[in-house]
C-alpha atoms as a PDB file:
ATOM      1  CA  MET A   1      -5.309  22.945  -5.563  1.00  0.00           C
ATOM      2  CA  PRO A   2      -6.669  21.063  -8.553  1.00  0.00           C
ATOM      3  CA  VAL A   3      -6.990  17.309  -8.141  1.00  0.00           C
ATOM      4  CA  ILE A   4      -4.500  16.537 -10.929  1.00  0.00           C
ATOM      5  CA  ILE A   5      -1.785  18.524  -9.134  1.00  0.00           C
ATOM      6  CA  SER A   6      -2.458  16.751  -5.836  1.00  0.00           C
ATOM      7  CA  ILE A   7      -2.239  13.362  -7.594  1.00  0.00           C
ATOM      8  CA  THR A   8       1.036  14.394  -9.242  1.00  0.00           C
ATOM      9  CA  LEU A   9       2.566  15.539  -5.950  1.00  0.00           C
ATOM     10  CA  GLY A  10       1.355  12.447  -4.102  1.00  0.00           C
ATOM     11  CA  GLY A  11       2.685  10.196  -6.864  1.00  0.00           C
ATOM     12  CA  GLY A  12       6.129  11.773  -6.727  1.00  0.00           C
ATOM     13  CA  ILE A  13       6.334  11.442  -2.967  1.00  0.00           C
ATOM     14  CA  GLY A  14       4.948   7.880  -3.083  1.00  0.00           C
ATOM     15  CA  ALA A  15       7.497   6.820  -5.707  1.00  0.00           C
ATOM     16  CA  VAL A  16      10.393   8.190  -3.649  1.00  0.00           C
ATOM     17  CA  ALA A  17       8.995   6.532  -0.510  1.00  0.00           C
ATOM     18  CA  ARG A  18       8.709   3.211  -2.336  1.00  0.00           C
ATOM     19  CA  TYR A  19      12.273   3.461  -3.620  1.00  0.00           C
ATOM     20  CA  SER A  20      13.549   4.328  -0.130  1.00  0.00           C
ATOM     21  CA  VAL A  21      11.708   1.463   1.570  1.00  0.00           C
ATOM     22  CA  SER A  22      12.844  -0.955  -1.161  1.00  0.00           C
ATOM     23  CA  GLN A  23      16.473   0.073  -0.749  1.00  0.00           C
ATOM     24  CA  LEU A  24      16.282  -0.353   3.016  1.00  0.00           C
ATOM     25  CA  VAL A  25      14.593  -3.760   2.754  1.00  0.00           C
ATOM     26  CA  ASP A  26      17.117  -4.973   0.167  1.00  0.00           C
ATOM     27  CA  VAL A  27      19.967  -4.000   2.500  1.00  0.00           C
ATOM     28  CA  LEU A  28      18.323  -5.761   5.444  1.00  0.00           C
ATOM     29  CA  PHE A  29      17.060  -8.906   3.687  1.00  0.00           C
ATOM     30  CA  GLY A  30      18.932  -9.161   0.400  1.00  0.00           C
ATOM     31  CA  SER A  31      17.224  -9.351  -2.958  1.00  0.00           C
ATOM     32  CA  SER A  32      16.998 -13.033  -3.966  1.00  0.00           C
ATOM     33  CA  PHE A  33      13.241 -13.040  -3.190  1.00  0.00           C
ATOM     34  CA  PRO A  34      11.074  -9.915  -3.772  1.00  0.00           C
ATOM     35  CA  VAL A  35      10.658  -9.062  -0.082  1.00  0.00           C
ATOM     36  CA  ALA A  36      10.728  -5.298  -0.727  1.00  0.00           C
ATOM     37  CA  THR A  37       7.764  -5.460  -3.101  1.00  0.00           C
ATOM     38  CA  ILE A  38       5.835  -7.630  -0.655  1.00  0.00           C
ATOM     39  CA  ILE A  39       6.466  -5.172   2.174  1.00  0.00           C
ATOM     40  CA  VAL A  40       5.465  -2.057   0.220  1.00  0.00           C
ATOM     41  CA  ASN A  41       2.361  -3.779  -1.150  1.00  0.00           C
ATOM     42  CA  ILE A  42       1.200  -4.994   2.261  1.00  0.00           C
ATOM     43  CA  LEU A  43       2.020  -1.680   3.950  1.00  0.00           C
ATOM     44  CA  GLY A  44       0.267   0.217   1.152  1.00  0.00           C
ATOM     45  CA  ALA A  45      -2.764  -2.061   1.439  1.00  0.00           C
ATOM     46  CA  PHE A  46      -2.917  -1.432   5.178  1.00  0.00           C
ATOM     47  CA  LEU A  47      -2.648   2.318   4.653  1.00  0.00           C
ATOM     48  CA  ILE A  48      -5.345   2.424   1.976  1.00  0.00           C
ATOM     49  CA  GLY A  49      -7.693   0.524   4.274  1.00  0.00           C
ATOM     50  CA  PHE A  50      -6.884   2.899   7.133  1.00  0.00           C
ATOM     51  CA  PHE A  51      -7.292   6.062   5.055  1.00  0.00           C
ATOM     52  CA  PHE A  52     -10.410   4.765   3.298  1.00  0.00           C
ATOM     53  CA  GLN A  53     -12.114   4.471   6.679  1.00  0.00           C
ATOM     54  CA  TRP A  54     -10.855   7.910   7.656  1.00  0.00           C
ATOM     55  CA  PHE A  55     -12.231   9.395   4.458  1.00  0.00           C
ATOM     56  CA  GLU A  56     -15.577   7.628   5.020  1.00  0.00           C
ATOM     57  CA  ASP A  57     -15.917   8.988   8.571  1.00  0.00           C
ATOM     58  CA  ARG A  58     -14.723  12.550   8.016  1.00  0.00           C
ATOM     59  CA  VAL A  59     -15.290  15.242   5.449  1.00  0.00           C
ATOM     60  CA  ILE A  60     -11.995  15.294   3.564  1.00  0.00           C
ATOM     61  CA  PRO A  61     -11.501  17.372   0.405  1.00  0.00           C
ATOM     62  CA  GLU A  62     -11.185  15.454  -2.859  1.00  0.00           C
ATOM     63  CA  THR A  63      -7.685  16.858  -3.390  1.00  0.00           C
ATOM     64  CA  ILE A  64      -6.469  15.279  -0.146  1.00  0.00           C
ATOM     65  CA  ARG A  65      -8.217  11.973  -0.879  1.00  0.00           C
ATOM     66  CA  SER A  66      -6.671  11.874  -4.357  1.00  0.00           C
ATOM     67  CA  PHE A  67      -3.239  12.890  -3.061  1.00  0.00           C
ATOM     68  CA  VAL A  68      -3.212   9.987  -0.581  1.00  0.00           C
ATOM     69  CA  THR A  69      -4.981   7.183  -2.466  1.00  0.00           C
ATOM     70  CA  ILE A  70      -4.352   7.718  -6.173  1.00  0.00           C
ATOM     71  CA  GLY A  71      -1.103   9.670  -5.896  1.00  0.00           C
ATOM     72  CA  PHE A  72       0.916   8.539  -2.897  1.00  0.00           C
ATOM     73  CA  LEU A  73      -0.391   5.001  -2.388  1.00  0.00           C
ATOM     74  CA  GLY A  74      -0.777   4.385  -6.116  1.00  0.00           C
ATOM     75  CA  ALA A  75       2.918   5.116  -6.629  1.00  0.00           C
ATOM     76  CA  PHE A  76       4.016   3.521  -3.356  1.00  0.00           C
ATOM     77  CA  THR A  77       2.459   0.118  -4.065  1.00  0.00           C
ATOM     78  CA  THR A  78       3.394  -1.740  -7.185  1.00  0.00           C
ATOM     79  CA  PHE A  79       1.366  -4.365  -8.937  1.00  0.00           C
ATOM     80  CA  SER A  80       3.594  -4.172 -12.009  1.00  0.00           C
ATOM     81  CA  SER A  81       6.755  -5.004 -10.046  1.00  0.00           C
ATOM     82  CA  PHE A  82       4.949  -7.838  -8.294  1.00  0.00           C
ATOM     83  CA  THR A  83       3.887  -9.378 -11.597  1.00  0.00           C
ATOM     84  CA  LEU A  84       7.315  -8.951 -13.209  1.00  0.00           C
ATOM     85  CA  GLU A  85       9.122 -10.472 -10.226  1.00  0.00           C
ATOM     86  CA  THR A  86       6.677 -13.382 -10.182  1.00  0.00           C
ATOM     87  CA  LEU A  87       7.185 -13.967 -13.898  1.00  0.00           C
ATOM     88  CA  LYS A  88      10.974 -13.928 -13.440  1.00  0.00           C
ATOM     89  CA  LEU A  89      10.718 -16.522 -10.660  1.00  0.00           C
ATOM     90  CA  LEU A  90       8.532 -18.725 -12.850  1.00  0.00           C
ATOM     91  CA  GLN A  91      10.851 -18.325 -15.868  1.00  0.00           C
ATOM     92  CA  GLU A  92      13.766 -19.403 -13.674  1.00  0.00           C
ATOM     93  CA  SER A  93      11.776 -22.599 -12.954  1.00  0.00           C
ATOM     94  CA  ASN A  94      11.346 -21.494  -9.358  1.00  0.00           C
ATOM     95  CA  ILE A  95       7.672 -22.432  -9.369  1.00  0.00           C
ATOM     96  CA  THR A  96       7.363 -22.722  -5.587  1.00  0.00           C
ATOM     97  CA  ALA A  97       8.817 -19.254  -4.990  1.00  0.00           C
ATOM     98  CA  GLY A  98       6.572 -17.811  -7.711  1.00  0.00           C
ATOM     99  CA  MET A  99       3.462 -19.331  -6.157  1.00  0.00           C
ATOM    100  CA  VAL A 100       4.520 -18.226  -2.673  1.00  0.00           C
ATOM    101  CA  ASN A 101       5.007 -14.690  -4.008  1.00  0.00           C
ATOM    102  CA  ILE A 102       1.525 -14.697  -5.536  1.00  0.00           C
ATOM    103  CA  PHE A 103      -0.039 -16.014  -2.331  1.00  0.00           C
ATOM    104  CA  ILE A 104       1.800 -13.644   0.011  1.00  0.00           C
ATOM    105  CA  ASN A 105       1.099 -10.520  -2.055  1.00  0.00           C
ATOM    106  CA  ASN A 106      -2.573 -11.283  -2.572  1.00  0.00           C
ATOM    107  CA  PHE A 107      -3.593 -12.845   0.734  1.00  0.00           C
ATOM    108  CA  PHE A 108      -1.641 -10.549   3.029  1.00  0.00           C
ATOM    109  CA  SER A 109      -2.529  -7.416   1.066  1.00  0.00           C
ATOM    110  CA  LEU A 110      -6.232  -8.248   1.368  1.00  0.00           C
ATOM    111  CA  PHE A 111      -5.739  -8.980   5.060  1.00  0.00           C
ATOM    112  CA  ALA A 112      -3.836  -5.679   5.460  1.00  0.00           C
ATOM    113  CA  VAL A 113      -6.700  -3.651   3.947  1.00  0.00           C
ATOM    114  CA  LEU A 114      -9.069  -5.217   6.472  1.00  0.00           C
ATOM    115  CA  ALA A 115      -6.562  -4.575   9.257  1.00  0.00           C
ATOM    116  CA  GLY A 116      -6.395  -0.926   8.174  1.00  0.00           C
ATOM    117  CA  PHE A 117     -10.201  -0.643   8.342  1.00  0.00           C
ATOM    118  CA  PHE A 118     -10.287  -2.147  11.824  1.00  0.00           C
ATOM    119  CA  CYS A 119      -7.335  -0.121  13.133  1.00  0.00           C
ATOM    120  CA  TRP A 120      -9.068   3.098  12.108  1.00  0.00           C
ATOM    121  CA  LYS A 121     -12.257   1.996  13.820  1.00  0.00           C
ATOM    122  CA  LEU A 122     -10.449   0.888  16.972  1.00  0.00           C
ATOM    123  CA  LEU A 123      -8.400   4.070  17.233  1.00  0.00           C
ATOM    124  CA  PHE A 124     -10.871   6.720  16.144  1.00  0.00           C
ATOM    125  CA  LYS A 125     -14.446   5.458  15.854  1.00  0.00           C
ATOM    126  CA  LYS A 126     -15.178   5.910  19.556  1.00  0.00           C
ATOM    127  CA  SER A 127     -14.200   9.587  19.433  1.00  0.00           C
ATOM    128  CA  ILE A 128     -16.426  10.156  16.371  1.00  0.00           C
ATOM    129  CA  THR A 129     -19.393   8.461  18.046  1.00  0.00           C
ATOM    130  CA  ALA A 130     -18.847  10.429  21.266  1.00  0.00           C
ATOM    131  CA  LYS A 131     -18.777  13.760  19.391  1.00  0.00           C
ATOM    132  CA  ARG A 132     -22.086  13.012  17.642  1.00  0.00           C
ATOM    133  CA  SER A 133     -23.904  12.311  20.950  1.00  0.00           C
END
């Protein structure tokens, strides 16, 4: 399968997954603060960290890598929604909420990528090392 097709398929699935998670989060938490965007961004950051380590430790075809990272996770996470929601909060003179949104998205997404790296290593690195011996 050509890479462009795998990215397209991953993007479609990622967009639907993002919409579904956002709808569920809005029902559970309401929508006065962009909780749904925060959750998908942090979850996506965790997953990209996890899969990045997987792809580093195993031989994975480029089509699969592109499907997951560029396609699925690229469509699942949303920097554009984060920036728009932050701008709306700031325009509404809700400076504190805007700054909190910036902090939460950036800090916890970076932390989630690291957590993804470490989860992969904790769960699977021992089995890779044992197989090489």
